[in-house]
Amino acid sequence: MTPYAEMTKDEMKRALDELLVEYDRFQNLGLNLDMSRGKPCKEQLDLSMGMMDALYSGADMTCEDGTDCRNYGGLTGIREAKILIGDMMENNPDNIIIYGNSSLNVMYDTISRAMTHGILGHTPWCKLDHVKFLCPSPGYDRHFKITEYFGIEMIPVEMSPTGPDMDTVEKLVSEDEAIKGIWCVPKYSNPQGYSYSDETVRRFARLKPAAADFRIFWDNAYCVHHLYDDHQDHIIEILAECKRAGNADLVYKFASTSKITFPGSGIASLAASLNNLEDIKAQLQNQTIGHDKVNQLRHVRFFKDIHGMCEHMRKHADVIRPKFEAVEEIFERELKGLGIGEWTKPNGGYFISFETLPGCAKEVVAYAMKAGVKMTGAGATWPYGRDPKDSNIRVAPTYPSLADLKTAAELFTLCVKIVSLQKLLGEE
């Protein structure tokens, strides 16, 4: 295909007219499709229905240590759940706290405690003149919403296929004690599906922050979310690497089963050094007597061990892999060679990241919406919703049916073509 930028003005106009006719056809279909969030589809949710039978009215609700899961207690979670989640996170069960259903809630609480009570005896952030966070971008919009809510200044850091720009991270962290943290999705990142290289993880573990209470917020949300058995990304375990580097307290590591079992009814967890855990537990005991042990036991009885969880994740992959491949095939067929877009091809996770020509993303999303396909808002993957190039769009293939997804992807590529031609014609 001839790149659009190499076409004459008349050729561009003719192509645009033909595309607008096709767009009208899509508008007349009355579509109402949602690709705005990375939600599991019904078929994925059905995979976990057996968990509803793992416990029943006559079931033994006692843990191996004799704890009755129906009663109070167990501030940090039941041992069996710590072992299961520890294997998932690649961490010692003694370094884990099991929470309720939402890892995002754990991250919010962690920021909130730092604001009001500080970290390991340091000054509460709310008493400081400035508090800043580094935000690898494009990144996870809900991370950014947490720091924005607390009035923390967010500083974008460029992402690459190997992770954040570590030269920038190291420089900023070492020079500015107002920088208290960095958001990370180290494996199958949101939205690009990148996984941090060994060098990137090792450089994180060896950071020398100016702030003694600086923490890496390591959200390993997609740690077992592979699309392929034979093409899986692997990353170095950050807690062990920090300990080797003499920085054991540097990281908070988060995970959950939200996209493994039932979103909203999973279990979340935090792994950290023993010093950090003692600091957190001292505050946590004033917040709760313990989280839902019945749900923790339900997960353990359903999966039995990490091998059961890995088999379960293969079933997830079988459901969503054709969706990712369908989107990638349509993007390749419709856009390759036109010079108007680039996209990632992740080995796991929940998203594909698309880069339009500069200045086109918001308009592409608007065109898609007018034709009945809801996308994640352009700019959402940047702090404050401000994408400096107005080029990044997060594509979420998991929730629609395969047939609907193909329709949505066809429409999306059509919108990219239309907006790109309008942009190029406007520049002429």
Protein backbone atom coordinates (compact mmCIF):
# COMPACT_ATOMS: atom_id res chain seq x y z
CA MET A 1 0.00 0.00 0.00
CA THR A 2 1.15 3.51 -0.79
CA PRO A 3 1.96 5.52 2.34
CA TYR A 4 -0.59 8.29 2.75
CA ALA A 5 2.12 10.93 3.10
CA GLU A 6 3.37 10.05 -0.41
CA MET A 7 -0.04 10.54 -2.06
CA THR A 8 -0.94 13.65 -4.01
CA LYS A 9 -3.58 15.93 -2.55
CA ASP A 10 -6.16 14.69 -5.10
CA GLU A 11 -5.36 11.07 -4.27
CA MET A 12 -5.84 11.79 -0.60
CA LYS A 13 -9.19 13.46 -1.22
CA ARG A 14 -10.47 10.56 -3.33
CA ALA A 15 -9.36 8.06 -0.72
CA LEU A 16 -11.02 10.10 2.04
CA ASP A 17 -14.31 10.32 0.16
CA GLU A 18 -14.38 6.53 -0.26
CA LEU A 19 -13.59 5.99 3.42
CA LEU A 20 -16.36 8.36 4.53
CA VAL A 21 -18.89 6.35 2.53
CA GLU A 22 -17.71 3.22 4.34
CA TYR A 23 -17.93 5.07 7.66
CA ASP A 24 -21.57 5.97 6.96
CA ARG A 25 -22.25 2.28 6.46
CA PHE A 26 -20.83 1.50 9.88
CA GLN A 27 -22.88 4.27 11.46
CA ASN A 28 -26.05 2.76 10.02
CA LEU A 29 -25.32 -0.59 11.70
CA GLY A 30 -26.39 0.80 15.08
CA LEU A 31 -23.37 -0.65 16.89
CA ASN A 32 -23.05 -0.51 20.67
CA LEU A 33 -19.69 -2.09 21.50
CA ASP A 34 -17.44 -1.44 24.51
CA MET A 35 -13.66 -1.68 24.21
CA SER A 36 -12.99 0.89 26.90
CA ARG A 37 -11.73 -1.32 29.76
CA GLY A 38 -9.77 -4.52 30.11
CA LYS A 39 -12.59 -6.64 31.47
CA PRO A 40 -12.78 -10.43 31.25
CA CYS A 41 -15.56 -11.71 29.02
CA LYS A 42 -18.36 -14.04 30.13
CA GLU A 43 -16.50 -17.11 28.87
CA GLN A 44 -13.57 -16.20 31.11
CA LEU A 45 -15.79 -15.67 34.12
CA ASP A 46 -17.43 -19.05 33.48
CA LEU A 47 -14.03 -20.71 33.93
CA SER A 48 -14.16 -19.95 37.66
CA MET A 49 -17.72 -21.06 38.40
CA GLY A 50 -16.37 -24.23 40.00
CA MET A 51 -15.05 -22.02 42.78
CA MET A 52 -18.65 -21.56 43.91
CA ASP A 53 -18.71 -25.30 44.72
CA ALA A 54 -15.34 -25.33 46.48
CA LEU A 55 -17.13 -24.38 49.70
CA TYR A 56 -20.68 -25.32 50.66
CA SER A 57 -22.82 -25.45 53.81
CA GLY A 58 -21.33 -28.75 54.93
CA ALA A 59 -17.72 -27.92 54.05
CA ASP A 60 -14.89 -27.98 56.58
CA MET A 61 -14.04 -24.29 57.06
CA THR A 62 -10.96 -24.94 59.15
CA CYS A 63 -7.44 -24.12 57.95
CA GLU A 64 -4.50 -26.43 58.39
CA ASP A 65 -3.43 -24.52 61.53
CA GLY A 66 -6.89 -24.85 63.06
CA THR A 67 -8.16 -21.37 62.19
CA ASP A 68 -11.93 -21.23 61.66
CA CYS A 69 -12.28 -19.08 58.53
CA ARG A 70 -15.80 -18.06 59.55
CA ASN A 71 -14.59 -16.12 62.57
CA TYR A 72 -12.56 -13.01 63.38
CA GLY A 73 -8.76 -12.88 63.21
CA GLY A 74 -5.97 -13.48 60.76
CA LEU A 75 -4.85 -9.93 60.09
CA THR A 76 -2.41 -10.87 57.31
CA GLY A 77 -4.35 -13.77 55.75
CA ILE A 78 -4.46 -17.55 56.08
CA ARG A 79 -1.26 -19.50 55.57
CA GLU A 80 -2.58 -21.58 52.67
CA ALA A 81 -3.50 -18.43 50.73
CA LYS A 82 -0.06 -16.93 51.38
CA ILE A 83 1.56 -20.05 49.96
CA LEU A 84 -0.64 -20.05 46.85
CA ILE A 85 -0.22 -16.32 46.18
CA GLY A 86 3.45 -16.50 47.15
CA ASP A 87 4.00 -19.06 44.40
CA MET A 88 2.09 -16.84 41.97
CA MET A 89 4.15 -13.77 42.93
CA GLU A 90 7.43 -15.71 43.34
CA ASN A 91 7.75 -14.58 46.95
CA ASN A 92 8.17 -16.18 50.36
CA PRO A 93 4.78 -16.51 52.11
CA ASP A 94 6.31 -14.77 55.14
CA ASN A 95 6.74 -11.62 53.03
CA ILE A 96 3.06 -11.44 52.00
CA ILE A 97 -0.12 -9.86 53.33
CA ILE A 98 -3.41 -11.07 51.87
CA TYR A 99 -6.04 -8.35 51.55
CA GLY A 100 -9.58 -8.10 50.19
CA ASN A 101 -10.58 -8.18 46.56
CA SER A 102 -8.75 -5.20 45.05
CA SER A 103 -5.02 -4.57 44.62
CA LEU A 104 -5.87 -1.04 43.49
CA ASN A 105 -7.44 -0.50 46.91
CA VAL A 106 -4.21 -1.75 48.54
CA MET A 107 -2.20 0.75 46.48
CA TYR A 108 -4.58 3.54 47.47
CA ASP A 109 -4.25 2.59 51.14
CA THR A 110 -0.48 2.46 50.86
CA ILE A 111 -0.34 5.99 49.43
CA SER A 112 -2.88 7.18 52.01
CA ARG A 113 -0.84 5.81 54.94
CA ALA A 114 2.30 7.44 53.59
CA MET A 115 0.42 10.73 53.36
CA THR A 116 -0.97 10.66 56.89
CA HIS A 117 1.57 8.65 58.90
CA GLY A 118 4.72 8.39 56.81
CA ILE A 119 6.86 5.36 55.97
CA LEU A 120 9.07 3.69 58.57
CA GLY A 121 9.06 6.74 60.84
CA HIS A 122 9.71 9.35 58.17
CA THR A 123 7.75 12.59 57.88
CA PRO A 124 4.17 12.09 56.66
CA TRP A 125 3.97 13.24 53.08
CA CYS A 126 1.06 15.59 53.86
CA LYS A 127 3.45 17.68 56.00
CA LEU A 128 5.91 18.20 53.15
CA ASP A 129 5.86 21.16 50.78
CA HIS A 130 6.18 18.98 47.68
CA VAL A 131 5.57 15.30 46.94
CA LYS A 132 6.29 13.92 43.47
CA PHE A 133 5.87 10.58 41.70
CA LEU A 134 7.44 9.24 38.54
CA CYS A 135 4.93 7.87 36.04
CA PRO A 136 6.18 5.69 33.16
CA SER A 137 3.98 6.77 30.26
CA PRO A 138 1.93 5.55 28.53
CA GLY A 139 0.81 3.85 31.73
CA TYR A 140 -2.13 2.72 33.84
CA ASP A 141 -4.72 5.48 34.22
CA ARG A 142 -5.98 4.27 37.60
CA HIS A 143 -2.48 4.52 39.07
CA PHE A 144 -2.35 8.12 37.95
CA LYS A 145 -5.79 8.82 39.38
CA ILE A 146 -4.61 7.76 42.85
CA THR A 147 -1.62 10.10 42.94
CA GLU A 148 -3.64 12.91 41.36
CA TYR A 149 -6.34 12.48 44.03
CA PHE A 150 -3.79 13.02 46.80
CA GLY A 151 -2.37 16.10 45.08
CA ILE A 152 0.96 14.41 44.28
CA GLU A 153 2.80 15.95 41.35
CA MET A 154 3.24 13.41 38.55
CA ILE A 155 6.28 13.40 36.27
CA PRO A 156 6.04 11.37 33.05
CA VAL A 157 8.95 9.08 32.17
CA GLU A 158 9.26 7.63 28.69
CA MET A 159 8.53 3.92 28.25
CA SER A 160 10.38 1.61 25.88
CA PRO A 161 10.11 -2.13 25.10
CA THR A 162 12.61 -2.79 27.93
CA GLY A 163 10.80 -0.63 30.51
CA PRO A 164 11.06 2.98 31.70
CA ASP A 165 13.96 5.20 30.64
CA MET A 166 16.25 4.25 33.52
CA ASP A 167 18.77 7.02 32.84
CA THR A 168 15.98 9.51 33.57
CA VAL A 169 14.67 7.52 36.54
CA GLU A 170 18.10 7.24 38.17
CA LYS A 171 18.88 10.92 37.64
CA LEU A 172 15.59 12.27 38.97
CA VAL A 173 15.38 9.91 41.94
CA SER A 174 18.95 10.62 43.06
CA GLU A 175 18.65 14.40 42.77
CA ASP A 176 15.20 15.25 44.15
CA GLU A 177 14.15 14.12 47.64
CA ALA A 178 10.59 15.27 46.89
CA ILE A 179 10.27 12.26 44.56
CA LYS A 180 8.75 9.59 46.79
CA GLY A 181 7.79 6.84 44.38
CA ILE A 182 7.32 5.44 40.92
CA TRP A 183 4.44 3.45 39.42
CA CYS A 184 5.47 0.26 37.62
CA VAL A 185 3.61 -2.47 35.73
CA PRO A 186 6.69 -4.60 35.06
CA LYS A 187 5.18 -7.52 33.15
CA TYR A 188 2.90 -7.14 30.12
CA SER A 189 2.57 -3.46 31.00
CA ASN A 190 -0.64 -1.51 30.71
CA PRO A 191 -1.15 -0.47 27.90
CA GLN A 192 1.80 -1.56 25.76
CA GLY A 193 2.28 -5.13 26.94
CA TYR A 194 6.01 -4.55 27.50
CA SER A 195 8.00 -6.52 30.09
CA TYR A 196 10.98 -5.04 31.90
CA SER A 197 14.39 -6.37 30.86
CA ASP A 198 16.81 -7.94 33.35
CA GLU A 199 18.95 -4.81 33.20
CA THR A 200 15.96 -2.58 33.96
CA VAL A 201 14.95 -4.63 37.02
CA ARG A 202 18.52 -4.67 38.31
CA ARG A 203 18.82 -0.91 37.88
CA PHE A 204 15.58 -0.44 39.79
CA ALA A 205 16.93 -2.57 42.64
CA ARG A 206 20.11 -0.49 42.76
CA LEU A 207 18.50 2.94 42.79
CA LYS A 208 20.01 5.46 45.18
CA PRO A 209 17.08 7.73 46.04
CA ALA A 210 17.62 11.09 47.67
CA ALA A 211 14.47 10.36 49.73
CA ALA A 212 14.91 7.63 52.35
CA ASP A 213 11.17 6.94 52.12
CA PHE A 214 11.15 6.51 48.33
CA ARG A 215 9.31 3.35 47.24
CA ILE A 216 8.85 1.48 43.97
CA PHE A 217 5.16 0.63 43.55
CA TRP A 218 5.57 -2.63 41.61
CA ASP A 219 2.13 -3.64 40.32
CA ASN A 220 2.68 -7.13 38.94
CA ALA A 221 -0.94 -7.37 37.83
CA TYR A 222 -0.27 -9.70 34.88
CA CYS A 223 2.35 -12.00 36.42
CA VAL A 224 0.66 -15.22 35.18
CA HIS A 225 -1.35 -13.75 32.29
CA HIS A 226 0.41 -15.30 29.31
CA LEU A 227 -1.17 -15.63 25.87
CA TYR A 228 1.19 -18.38 24.71
CA ASP A 229 2.84 -21.42 26.25
CA ASP A 230 5.90 -21.11 24.02
CA HIS A 231 6.31 -17.31 24.01
CA GLN A 232 6.21 -16.11 27.60
CA ASP A 233 7.94 -13.09 29.07
CA HIS A 234 9.92 -13.61 32.28
CA ILE A 235 11.19 -10.91 34.63
CA ILE A 236 13.61 -10.96 37.54
CA GLU A 237 11.93 -11.08 40.96
CA ILE A 238 12.28 -7.57 42.36
CA LEU A 239 12.23 -8.22 46.15
CA ALA A 240 15.10 -10.70 45.94
CA GLU A 241 17.04 -8.38 43.64
CA CYS A 242 16.55 -5.44 46.01
CA LYS A 243 17.75 -7.57 48.93
CA ARG A 244 20.86 -8.59 46.97
CA ALA A 245 21.53 -4.92 46.24
CA GLY A 246 21.23 -3.93 49.91
CA ASN A 247 17.91 -2.16 49.23
CA ALA A 248 15.49 -4.63 50.83
CA ASP A 249 13.00 -1.94 51.85
CA LEU A 250 12.87 -0.20 48.47
CA VAL A 251 9.79 -1.88 46.93
CA TYR A 252 6.11 -2.61 47.52
CA LYS A 253 4.92 -5.39 45.22
CA PHE A 254 1.21 -5.82 44.45
CA ALA A 255 -0.89 -8.50 42.76
CA SER A 256 -4.40 -9.95 42.77
CA THR A 257 -6.58 -12.68 41.29
CA SER A 258 -9.02 -10.15 39.82
CA LYS A 259 -8.46 -11.32 36.24
CA ILE A 260 -7.82 -14.90 37.31
CA THR A 261 -11.11 -15.66 39.07
CA PHE A 262 -13.83 -13.02 39.52
CA PRO A 263 -13.09 -9.28 39.32
CA GLY A 264 -14.54 -7.76 42.46
CA SER A 265 -14.43 -11.12 44.28
CA GLY A 266 -10.78 -12.10 44.05
CA ILE A 267 -8.00 -11.73 46.60
CA ALA A 268 -5.32 -9.05 46.56
CA SER A 269 -1.87 -9.17 48.06
CA LEU A 270 1.18 -7.14 48.92
CA ALA A 271 4.73 -8.48 49.17
CA ALA A 272 7.45 -6.47 50.87
CA SER A 273 10.44 -6.64 53.19
CA LEU A 274 9.86 -7.62 56.81
CA ASN A 275 10.59 -4.02 57.88
CA ASN A 276 7.94 -2.70 55.51
CA LEU A 277 5.46 -5.39 56.58
CA GLU A 278 5.84 -4.55 60.27
CA ASP A 279 5.29 -0.87 59.46
CA ILE A 280 2.17 -1.70 57.45
CA LYS A 281 0.77 -4.16 60.01
CA ALA A 282 1.10 -1.57 62.81
CA GLN A 283 -1.30 0.65 60.86
CA LEU A 284 -3.42 -2.12 59.34
CA GLN A 285 -4.48 -3.45 62.75
CA ASN A 286 -6.29 -0.17 63.32
CA GLN A 287 -8.16 -0.55 60.05
CA THR A 288 -9.40 -4.15 60.14
CA ILE A 289 -9.49 -7.32 62.23
CA GLY A 290 -8.82 -9.31 59.08
CA HIS A 291 -9.95 -9.66 55.51
CA ASP A 292 -12.29 -12.26 54.01
CA LYS A 293 -10.76 -15.60 55.03
CA VAL A 294 -13.68 -17.55 53.55
CA ASN A 295 -12.84 -16.19 50.11
CA GLN A 296 -9.16 -16.93 50.66
CA LEU A 297 -10.01 -20.53 51.56
CA ARG A 298 -12.33 -20.77 48.54
CA HIS A 299 -9.46 -19.82 46.23
CA VAL A 300 -7.11 -22.33 47.83
CA ARG A 301 -9.62 -25.18 47.65
CA PHE A 302 -10.42 -24.35 44.01
CA PHE A 303 -6.83 -24.12 42.72
CA LYS A 304 -5.17 -26.44 45.27
CA ASP A 305 -1.73 -25.13 44.27
CA ILE A 306 0.14 -23.02 41.72
CA HIS A 307 -0.05 -25.83 39.15
CA GLY A 308 -3.83 -25.67 39.28
CA MET A 309 -3.67 -21.90 38.80
CA CYS A 310 -1.34 -22.23 35.80
CA GLU A 311 -3.68 -24.73 34.14
CA HIS A 312 -6.55 -22.34 34.80
CA MET A 313 -4.62 -19.50 33.12
CA ARG A 314 -4.08 -21.65 30.04
CA LYS A 315 -7.87 -21.81 29.71
CA HIS A 316 -8.02 -18.01 29.93
CA ALA A 317 -5.38 -17.77 27.22
CA ASP A 318 -7.35 -20.10 24.96
CA VAL A 319 -10.33 -17.71 25.22
CA ILE A 320 -8.56 -14.40 24.64
CA ARG A 321 -5.62 -15.34 22.39
CA PRO A 322 -7.83 -15.50 19.25
CA LYS A 323 -9.07 -12.01 20.08
CA PHE A 324 -5.60 -10.51 20.28
CA GLU A 325 -4.60 -12.29 17.08
CA ALA A 326 -7.75 -11.08 15.29
CA VAL A 327 -7.03 -7.45 16.19
CA GLU A 328 -3.40 -7.78 15.17
CA GLU A 329 -4.37 -9.40 11.84
CA ILE A 330 -6.87 -6.63 11.03
CA PHE A 331 -4.39 -3.89 11.96
CA GLU A 332 -1.76 -5.57 9.79
CA ARG A 333 -4.10 -6.01 6.83
CA GLU A 334 -5.68 -2.56 6.93
CA LEU A 335 -2.86 -0.30 8.10
CA LYS A 336 0.52 -1.85 7.33
CA GLY A 337 2.52 0.30 4.95
CA LEU A 338 0.29 3.38 5.21
CA GLY A 339 2.60 5.12 7.69
CA ILE A 340 -0.26 6.25 9.92
CA GLY A 341 -0.01 4.01 12.95
CA GLU A 342 2.05 1.60 15.02
CA TRP A 343 0.89 -1.01 17.51
CA THR A 344 2.33 -3.47 20.00
CA LYS A 345 2.08 -7.28 19.82
CA PRO A 346 2.26 -8.44 23.44
CA ASN A 347 2.83 -11.99 24.66
CA GLY A 348 0.41 -11.51 27.52
CA GLY A 349 -1.62 -9.09 29.58
CA TYR A 350 -4.83 -7.39 28.54
CA PHE A 351 -4.04 -4.58 26.11
CA ILE A 352 -2.62 -3.53 22.77
CA SER A 353 -1.19 -0.03 22.56
CA PHE A 354 -1.77 1.95 19.36
CA GLU A 355 0.12 5.07 18.28
CA THR A 356 -1.55 7.33 15.72
CA LEU A 357 0.06 10.20 13.87
CA PRO A 358 0.64 13.06 16.33
CA GLY A 359 -2.53 15.03 17.00
CA CYS A 360 -4.96 12.30 15.90
CA ALA A 361 -5.80 10.09 18.90
CA LYS A 362 -8.68 12.12 20.37
CA GLU A 363 -10.31 12.48 16.98
CA VAL A 364 -9.98 8.75 16.22
CA VAL A 365 -11.67 7.88 19.52
CA ALA A 366 -14.41 10.44 18.80
CA TYR A 367 -15.07 8.99 15.34
CA ALA A 368 -15.27 5.47 16.80
CA MET A 369 -17.71 6.64 19.46
CA LYS A 370 -19.99 8.29 16.87
CA ALA A 371 -20.21 4.95 15.08
CA GLY A 372 -21.02 3.01 18.26
CA VAL A 373 -17.65 1.75 19.55
CA LYS A 374 -16.50 3.03 22.94
CA MET A 375 -12.72 3.19 23.43
CA THR A 376 -10.60 4.21 26.40
CA GLY A 377 -10.40 7.99 26.30
CA ALA A 378 -7.40 9.32 24.38
CA GLY A 379 -4.91 10.75 26.87
CA ALA A 380 -6.02 8.43 29.70
CA THR A 381 -2.69 6.60 29.59
CA TRP A 382 -0.83 9.77 30.60
CA PRO A 383 -0.76 11.70 33.90
CA TYR A 384 -3.58 14.25 34.14
CA GLY A 385 -5.02 12.77 30.93
CA ARG A 386 -2.61 14.87 28.87
CA ASP A 387 -0.84 12.96 26.11
CA PRO A 388 1.70 15.52 24.78
CA LYS A 389 1.54 14.01 21.27
CA ASP A 390 -2.18 13.13 21.34
CA SER A 391 -1.21 9.82 19.77
CA ASN A 392 -1.73 6.94 22.23
CA ILE A 393 -4.87 4.80 22.29
CA ARG A 394 -5.31 1.74 24.53
CA VAL A 395 -7.08 -1.12 22.76
CA ALA A 396 -8.80 -3.67 25.05
CA PRO A 397 -9.67 -6.85 23.09
CA THR A 398 -10.87 -9.16 25.89
CA TYR A 399 -14.48 -8.20 26.65
CA PRO A 400 -16.37 -8.22 23.30
CA SER A 401 -17.23 -11.43 21.49
CA LEU A 402 -14.82 -12.38 18.71
CA ALA A 403 -17.35 -11.36 16.04
CA ASP A 404 -18.02 -8.00 17.69
CA LEU A 405 -14.32 -7.44 18.24
CA LYS A 406 -13.57 -7.95 14.55
CA THR A 407 -16.27 -5.42 13.65
CA ALA A 408 -14.88 -2.95 16.19
CA ALA A 409 -11.31 -3.42 14.94
CA GLU A 410 -12.41 -2.88 11.32
CA LEU A 411 -14.18 0.32 12.34
CA PHE A 412 -11.19 1.46 14.39
CA THR A 413 -8.80 1.09 11.45
CA LEU A 414 -11.30 2.96 9.27
CA CYS A 415 -11.35 5.83 11.78
CA VAL A 416 -7.55 5.89 11.87
CA LYS A 417 -7.45 6.20 8.07
CA ILE A 418 -10.05 8.97 7.96
CA VAL A 419 -8.51 11.08 10.70
CA SER A 420 -4.99 10.57 9.33
CA LEU A 421 -6.00 11.76 5.85
CA GLN A 422 -7.82 14.74 7.29
CA LYS A 423 -4.70 15.58 9.29
CA LEU A 424 -2.40 15.28 6.29
CA LEU A 425 -4.74 17.31 4.06
CA GLY A 426 -5.00 19.97 6.74
CA GLU A 427 -1.23 20.23 6.98
CA GLU A 428 -1.02 20.79 3.22
